[in-house]
Amino acid sequence: MRESLVIIVFHIVATVMELFKTSDAIQSWTYPEEYVFGIGNVPLFTGFMYSAVGSYIARVWRIFKFEYSHYPSKPATLILVTLIYINFFTHHYIWDFRWLLLGLTILLFYRIKIYFKIIKTHRHMPLLVGWLLVALFIWFAENIATFTNIWLYPNQSSEWQMVSLSKLSSWYLLMLISFVLVSLINNVKIRRVGHLKIN
């Protein structure tokens, strides 16, 4: 039930951003094909695309029994992702703060290793690297989606070309939003030398 609640929140958060980004005034991207169910310029399946990321994180968190070497306070992470979400809207009107927000993300999370259980053994990697890998695979999927005409960016309207690598920063920040939302329904287990602490 808690995971279902997070998925609903993802739908709402994603649909609001999609409505703004695809509005006639902004047009960051478009959905060129006709659709049956939608709001404004947004087919409703787009909410499921974002929810799939949140659902994936919630599921692997449980299956692989995530633990962390350190983890910042939940209020600090919530403030950061709120600023990130706001920047997705405001950067159309004022300066884009994404690189500053990425810098704050590194400062907040650079020490953290994520431990994930494979069969009986916990292995680990830097959390920032884990997010980058997921964002990279989403970028690959985005190239497939635009190639198959599911949605298009303005520079792809006349002829398809690969999605800019700069979009990785957007997916990275969206990954962070997804991760923090999922953390709200999970115990963040902090791995210490010799014992485990639940945050």
C-alpha atoms as a PDB file:
ATOM      1  CA  MET A   1       0.000   0.000   0.000  1.00  0.00           C
ATOM      2  CA  ARG A   2       2.823   2.410   0.777  1.00  0.00           C
ATOM      3  CA  GLU A   3       4.429   1.741  -2.592  1.00  0.00           C
ATOM      4  CA  SER A   4       1.068   2.310  -4.275  1.00  0.00           C
ATOM      5  CA  LEU A   5       0.817   5.683  -2.546  1.00  0.00           C
ATOM      6  CA  VAL A   6       4.259   6.672  -3.848  1.00  0.00           C
ATOM      7  CA  ILE A   7       3.241   5.652  -7.382  1.00  0.00           C
ATOM      8  CA  ILE A   8       0.151   7.884  -7.132  1.00  0.00           C
ATOM      9  CA  VAL A   9       2.344  10.776  -5.970  1.00  0.00           C
ATOM     10  CA  PHE A  10       4.649  10.131  -8.952  1.00  0.00           C
ATOM     11  CA  HIS A  11       1.652  10.332 -11.286  1.00  0.00           C
ATOM     12  CA  ILE A  12       0.594  13.686  -9.877  1.00  0.00           C
ATOM     13  CA  VAL A  13       4.107  15.192  -9.773  1.00  0.00           C
ATOM     14  CA  ALA A  14       4.896  13.948 -13.296  1.00  0.00           C
ATOM     15  CA  THR A  15       1.596  14.997 -14.859  1.00  0.00           C
ATOM     16  CA  VAL A  16       1.857  18.532 -13.464  1.00  0.00           C
ATOM     17  CA  MET A  17       5.354  18.884 -14.907  1.00  0.00           C
ATOM     18  CA  GLU A  18       4.287  17.341 -18.237  1.00  0.00           C
ATOM     19  CA  LEU A  19       1.345  19.752 -18.528  1.00  0.00           C
ATOM     20  CA  PHE A  20       3.702  22.665 -18.018  1.00  0.00           C
ATOM     21  CA  LYS A  21       6.517  21.413 -20.271  1.00  0.00           C
ATOM     22  CA  THR A  22       4.211  20.546 -23.181  1.00  0.00           C
ATOM     23  CA  SER A  23       2.026  23.647 -22.892  1.00  0.00           C
ATOM     24  CA  ASP A  24       1.736  25.840 -25.979  1.00  0.00           C
ATOM     25  CA  ALA A  25       3.805  28.537 -24.260  1.00  0.00           C
ATOM     26  CA  ILE A  26       6.751  26.253 -23.374  1.00  0.00           C
ATOM     27  CA  GLN A  27       6.790  23.260 -25.778  1.00  0.00           C
ATOM     28  CA  SER A  28       9.910  21.609 -24.364  1.00  0.00           C
ATOM     29  CA  TRP A  29       8.715  18.470 -26.141  1.00  0.00           C
ATOM     30  CA  THR A  30       5.578  17.243 -27.937  1.00  0.00           C
ATOM     31  CA  TYR A  31       3.596  14.033 -28.329  1.00  0.00           C
ATOM     32  CA  PRO A  32       2.994  13.904 -32.091  1.00  0.00           C
ATOM     33  CA  GLU A  33       0.691  10.869 -32.225  1.00  0.00           C
ATOM     34  CA  GLU A  34      -3.017  11.004 -31.442  1.00  0.00           C
ATOM     35  CA  TYR A  35      -4.144   9.562 -28.120  1.00  0.00           C
ATOM     36  CA  VAL A  36      -7.477   8.676 -26.540  1.00  0.00           C
ATOM     37  CA  PHE A  37      -6.861   9.498 -22.875  1.00  0.00           C
ATOM     38  CA  GLY A  38      -5.085  12.705 -22.013  1.00  0.00           C
ATOM     39  CA  ILE A  39      -5.137  16.100 -20.345  1.00  0.00           C
ATOM     40  CA  GLY A  40      -4.189  19.131 -22.409  1.00  0.00           C
ATOM     41  CA  ASN A  41      -1.220  18.159 -24.585  1.00  0.00           C
ATOM     42  CA  VAL A  42      -0.317  15.192 -22.353  1.00  0.00           C
ATOM     43  CA  PRO A  43      -1.342  11.549 -22.911  1.00  0.00           C
ATOM     44  CA  LEU A  44      -2.008   9.954 -19.545  1.00  0.00           C
ATOM     45  CA  PHE A  45       0.481   7.126 -20.089  1.00  0.00           C
ATOM     46  CA  THR A  46       3.292   9.606 -19.432  1.00  0.00           C
ATOM     47  CA  GLY A  47       2.529   9.457 -15.709  1.00  0.00           C
ATOM     48  CA  PHE A  48       3.122   5.708 -15.850  1.00  0.00           C
ATOM     49  CA  MET A  49       6.575   6.259 -17.374  1.00  0.00           C
ATOM     50  CA  TYR A  50       7.693   8.299 -14.378  1.00  0.00           C
ATOM     51  CA  SER A  51       5.888   5.957 -11.998  1.00  0.00           C
ATOM     52  CA  ALA A  52       7.804   3.042 -13.489  1.00  0.00           C
ATOM     53  CA  VAL A  53      11.028   4.648 -12.254  1.00  0.00           C
ATOM     54  CA  GLY A  54       9.584   5.126  -8.770  1.00  0.00           C
ATOM     55  CA  SER A  55       8.145   1.607  -8.740  1.00  0.00           C
ATOM     56  CA  TYR A  56      11.521   0.198  -9.815  1.00  0.00           C
ATOM     57  CA  ILE A  57      13.354   2.021  -7.011  1.00  0.00           C
ATOM     58  CA  ALA A  58      10.786   0.944  -4.405  1.00  0.00           C
ATOM     59  CA  ARG A  59      10.998  -2.673  -5.532  1.00  0.00           C
ATOM     60  CA  VAL A  60      14.798  -2.986  -5.716  1.00  0.00           C
ATOM     61  CA  TRP A  61      15.146  -1.175  -2.372  1.00  0.00           C
ATOM     62  CA  ARG A  62      13.181  -4.034  -0.810  1.00  0.00           C
ATOM     63  CA  ILE A  63      14.527  -6.949  -2.886  1.00  0.00           C
ATOM     64  CA  PHE A  64      18.208  -6.018  -2.592  1.00  0.00           C
ATOM     65  CA  LYS A  65      17.900  -4.871   1.037  1.00  0.00           C
ATOM     66  CA  PHE A  66      19.561  -1.494   0.548  1.00  0.00           C
ATOM     67  CA  GLU A  67      21.852  -0.164   3.251  1.00  0.00           C
ATOM     68  CA  TYR A  68      23.968   3.001   3.270  1.00  0.00           C
ATOM     69  CA  SER A  69      27.330   4.003   4.706  1.00  0.00           C
ATOM     70  CA  HIS A  70      25.957   7.469   5.516  1.00  0.00           C
ATOM     71  CA  TYR A  71      22.737   9.265   4.728  1.00  0.00           C
ATOM     72  CA  PRO A  72      21.770  12.916   5.154  1.00  0.00           C
ATOM     73  CA  SER A  73      18.739  13.928   7.182  1.00  0.00           C
ATOM     74  CA  LYS A  74      15.382  13.494   5.452  1.00  0.00           C
ATOM     75  CA  PRO A  75      14.505  17.209   5.840  1.00  0.00           C
ATOM     76  CA  ALA A  76      17.724  18.142   3.999  1.00  0.00           C
ATOM     77  CA  THR A  77      16.947  15.739   1.133  1.00  0.00           C
ATOM     78  CA  LEU A  78      13.357  17.000   0.924  1.00  0.00           C
ATOM     79  CA  ILE A  79      14.498  20.620   0.691  1.00  0.00           C
ATOM     80  CA  LEU A  80      16.964  19.691  -2.064  1.00  0.00           C
ATOM     81  CA  VAL A  81      14.442  17.783  -4.204  1.00  0.00           C
ATOM     82  CA  THR A  82      11.822  20.507  -3.719  1.00  0.00           C
ATOM     83  CA  LEU A  83      14.301  23.060  -5.091  1.00  0.00           C
ATOM     84  CA  ILE A  84      15.107  20.695  -7.977  1.00  0.00           C
ATOM     85  CA  TYR A  85      11.431  20.272  -8.839  1.00  0.00           C
ATOM     86  CA  ILE A  86      10.808  24.031  -8.698  1.00  0.00           C
ATOM     87  CA  ASN A  87      13.818  24.624 -10.970  1.00  0.00           C
ATOM     88  CA  PHE A  88      12.268  22.415 -13.671  1.00  0.00           C
ATOM     89  CA  PHE A  89       9.606  25.135 -13.953  1.00  0.00           C
ATOM     90  CA  THR A  90      11.417  28.363 -13.127  1.00  0.00           C
ATOM     91  CA  HIS A  91      14.427  27.881 -15.410  1.00  0.00           C
ATOM     92  CA  HIS A  92      12.192  28.913 -18.321  1.00  0.00           C
ATOM     93  CA  TYR A  93      11.853  32.376 -16.768  1.00  0.00           C
ATOM     94  CA  ILE A  94      14.984  32.939 -14.676  1.00  0.00           C
ATOM     95  CA  TRP A  95      18.507  31.519 -14.490  1.00  0.00           C
ATOM     96  CA  ASP A  96      18.800  27.707 -14.595  1.00  0.00           C
ATOM     97  CA  PHE A  97      20.117  26.548 -11.203  1.00  0.00           C
ATOM     98  CA  ARG A  98      20.571  22.889 -12.194  1.00  0.00           C
ATOM     99  CA  TRP A  99      24.379  22.936 -11.990  1.00  0.00           C
ATOM    100  CA  LEU A 100      24.247  24.546  -8.565  1.00  0.00           C
ATOM    101  CA  LEU A 101      21.695  21.914  -7.515  1.00  0.00           C
ATOM    102  CA  LEU A 102      23.916  19.151  -8.888  1.00  0.00           C
ATOM    103  CA  GLY A 103      26.773  20.630  -6.864  1.00  0.00           C
ATOM    104  CA  LEU A 104      24.619  20.581  -3.715  1.00  0.00           C
ATOM    105  CA  THR A 105      23.681  16.979  -4.517  1.00  0.00           C
ATOM    106  CA  ILE A 106      27.350  16.008  -4.661  1.00  0.00           C
ATOM    107  CA  LEU A 107      28.076  17.814  -1.372  1.00  0.00           C
ATOM    108  CA  LEU A 108      25.158  16.071   0.328  1.00  0.00           C
ATOM    109  CA  PHE A 109      25.701  12.547  -1.027  1.00  0.00           C
ATOM    110  CA  TYR A 110      29.359  12.182  -2.059  1.00  0.00           C
ATOM    111  CA  ARG A 111      30.312  10.096   1.004  1.00  0.00           C
ATOM    112  CA  ILE A 112      27.461   7.648   0.657  1.00  0.00           C
ATOM    113  CA  LYS A 113      27.941   4.091  -0.505  1.00  0.00           C
ATOM    114  CA  ILE A 114      24.867   2.022  -1.261  1.00  0.00           C
ATOM    115  CA  TYR A 115      25.028  -1.619  -0.147  1.00  0.00           C
ATOM    116  CA  PHE A 116      22.856  -4.104  -2.047  1.00  0.00           C
ATOM    117  CA  LYS A 117      22.474  -7.791  -1.236  1.00  0.00           C
ATOM    118  CA  ILE A 118      23.246 -10.294  -4.008  1.00  0.00           C
ATOM    119  CA  ILE A 119      22.194 -13.763  -2.787  1.00  0.00           C
ATOM    120  CA  LYS A 120      23.955 -13.700   0.616  1.00  0.00           C
ATOM    121  CA  THR A 121      26.562 -10.970   0.211  1.00  0.00           C
ATOM    122  CA  HIS A 122      26.177  -7.208   0.403  1.00  0.00           C
ATOM    123  CA  ARG A 123      28.170  -5.460  -2.323  1.00  0.00           C
ATOM    124  CA  HIS A 124      28.482  -1.698  -2.658  1.00  0.00           C
ATOM    125  CA  MET A 125      29.089   1.266  -4.942  1.00  0.00           C
ATOM    126  CA  PRO A 126      28.987   5.047  -4.509  1.00  0.00           C
ATOM    127  CA  LEU A 127      25.344   6.137  -4.505  1.00  0.00           C
ATOM    128  CA  LEU A 128      26.083   8.985  -6.946  1.00  0.00           C
ATOM    129  CA  VAL A 129      27.442   6.420  -9.431  1.00  0.00           C
ATOM    130  CA  GLY A 130      24.353   4.231  -8.992  1.00  0.00           C
ATOM    131  CA  TRP A 131      22.088   7.162  -9.852  1.00  0.00           C
ATOM    132  CA  LEU A 132      24.229   7.991 -12.883  1.00  0.00           C
ATOM    133  CA  LEU A 133      23.925   4.436 -14.209  1.00  0.00           C
ATOM    134  CA  VAL A 134      20.140   4.459 -13.888  1.00  0.00           C
ATOM    135  CA  ALA A 135      19.938   7.921 -15.499  1.00  0.00           C
ATOM    136  CA  LEU A 136      22.122   6.652 -18.356  1.00  0.00           C
ATOM    137  CA  PHE A 137      19.796   3.722 -19.061  1.00  0.00           C
ATOM    138  CA  ILE A 138      16.797   6.076 -18.986  1.00  0.00           C
ATOM    139  CA  TRP A 139      18.630   8.248 -21.539  1.00  0.00           C
ATOM    140  CA  PHE A 140      19.099   5.168 -23.751  1.00  0.00           C
ATOM    141  CA  ALA A 141      15.368   4.434 -23.434  1.00  0.00           C
ATOM    142  CA  GLU A 142      14.573   8.052 -24.268  1.00  0.00           C
ATOM    143  CA  ASN A 143      16.508   7.750 -27.512  1.00  0.00           C
ATOM    144  CA  ILE A 144      14.429   4.697 -28.427  1.00  0.00           C
ATOM    145  CA  ALA A 145      11.213   6.533 -27.490  1.00  0.00           C
ATOM    146  CA  THR A 146      12.003   9.559 -29.633  1.00  0.00           C
ATOM    147  CA  PHE A 147      13.198   7.384 -32.520  1.00  0.00           C
ATOM    148  CA  THR A 148       9.822   5.584 -32.474  1.00  0.00           C
ATOM    149  CA  ASN A 149       7.997   8.939 -32.407  1.00  0.00           C
ATOM    150  CA  ILE A 150       6.448   8.567 -28.936  1.00  0.00           C
ATOM    151  CA  TRP A 151       7.584  12.076 -28.094  1.00  0.00           C
ATOM    152  CA  LEU A 152       9.877  14.542 -29.836  1.00  0.00           C
ATOM    153  CA  TYR A 153      12.091  17.417 -28.869  1.00  0.00           C
ATOM    154  CA  PRO A 154      12.015  20.569 -31.044  1.00  0.00           C
ATOM    155  CA  ASN A 155      15.327  19.694 -32.755  1.00  0.00           C
ATOM    156  CA  GLN A 156      13.869  16.303 -33.772  1.00  0.00           C
ATOM    157  CA  SER A 157      10.729  17.610 -35.486  1.00  0.00           C
ATOM    158  CA  SER A 158      12.115  17.525 -39.040  1.00  0.00           C
ATOM    159  CA  GLU A 159      14.666  14.722 -38.681  1.00  0.00           C
ATOM    160  CA  TRP A 160      15.475  12.408 -35.775  1.00  0.00           C
ATOM    161  CA  GLN A 161      18.769  12.848 -34.000  1.00  0.00           C
ATOM    162  CA  MET A 162      20.080  11.487 -30.748  1.00  0.00           C
ATOM    163  CA  VAL A 163      18.878  13.090 -27.543  1.00  0.00           C
ATOM    164  CA  SER A 164      21.471  15.527 -26.254  1.00  0.00           C
ATOM    165  CA  LEU A 165      23.776  14.213 -23.531  1.00  0.00           C
ATOM    166  CA  SER A 166      22.844  17.326 -21.560  1.00  0.00           C
ATOM    167  CA  LYS A 167      19.505  15.592 -20.876  1.00  0.00           C
ATOM    168  CA  LEU A 168      21.432  13.253 -18.594  1.00  0.00           C
ATOM    169  CA  SER A 169      21.532  16.053 -16.014  1.00  0.00           C
ATOM    170  CA  SER A 170      17.738  16.282 -16.103  1.00  0.00           C
ATOM    171  CA  TRP A 171      17.300  12.537 -15.695  1.00  0.00           C
ATOM    172  CA  TYR A 172      19.896  12.526 -12.925  1.00  0.00           C
ATOM    173  CA  LEU A 173      17.957  15.143 -10.986  1.00  0.00           C
ATOM    174  CA  LEU A 174      14.671  13.337 -11.627  1.00  0.00           C
ATOM    175  CA  MET A 175      16.316  10.162 -10.316  1.00  0.00           C
ATOM    176  CA  LEU A 176      17.154  12.038  -7.127  1.00  0.00           C
ATOM    177  CA  ILE A 177      13.541  13.205  -6.747  1.00  0.00           C
ATOM    178  CA  SER A 178      12.348   9.623  -7.279  1.00  0.00           C
ATOM    179  CA  PHE A 179      14.838   8.221  -4.796  1.00  0.00           C
ATOM    180  CA  VAL A 180      13.972  10.688  -2.048  1.00  0.00           C
ATOM    181  CA  LEU A 181      10.232  10.117  -2.514  1.00  0.00           C
ATOM    182  CA  VAL A 182      10.774   6.370  -2.110  1.00  0.00           C
ATOM    183  CA  SER A 183      12.976   6.969   0.956  1.00  0.00           C
ATOM    184  CA  LEU A 184       9.943   8.484   2.685  1.00  0.00           C
ATOM    185  CA  ILE A 185       8.231   5.082   2.831  1.00  0.00           C
ATOM    186  CA  ASN A 186      11.330   3.044   3.712  1.00  0.00           C
ATOM    187  CA  ASN A 187      13.591   2.757   6.691  1.00  0.00           C
ATOM    188  CA  VAL A 188      16.982   4.113   5.681  1.00  0.00           C
ATOM    189  CA  LYS A 189      19.380   1.532   7.119  1.00  0.00           C
ATOM    190  CA  ILE A 190      22.763   3.033   7.974  1.00  0.00           C
ATOM    191  CA  ARG A 191      25.656   0.576   7.913  1.00  0.00           C
ATOM    192  CA  ARG A 192      28.232   1.147  10.639  1.00  0.00           C
ATOM    193  CA  VAL A 193      31.304  -0.869  11.551  1.00  0.00           C
ATOM    194  CA  GLY A 194      29.984  -3.822  13.507  1.00  0.00           C
ATOM    195  CA  HIS A 195      26.328  -2.803  13.639  1.00  0.00           C
ATOM    196  CA  LEU A 196      23.417  -1.372  11.695  1.00  0.00           C
ATOM    197  CA  LYS A 197      21.452   1.722  12.539  1.00  0.00           C
ATOM    198  CA  ILE A 198      17.956   2.555  11.245  1.00  0.00           C
ATOM    199  CA  ASN A 199      17.562   6.255  10.430  1.00  0.00           C
END
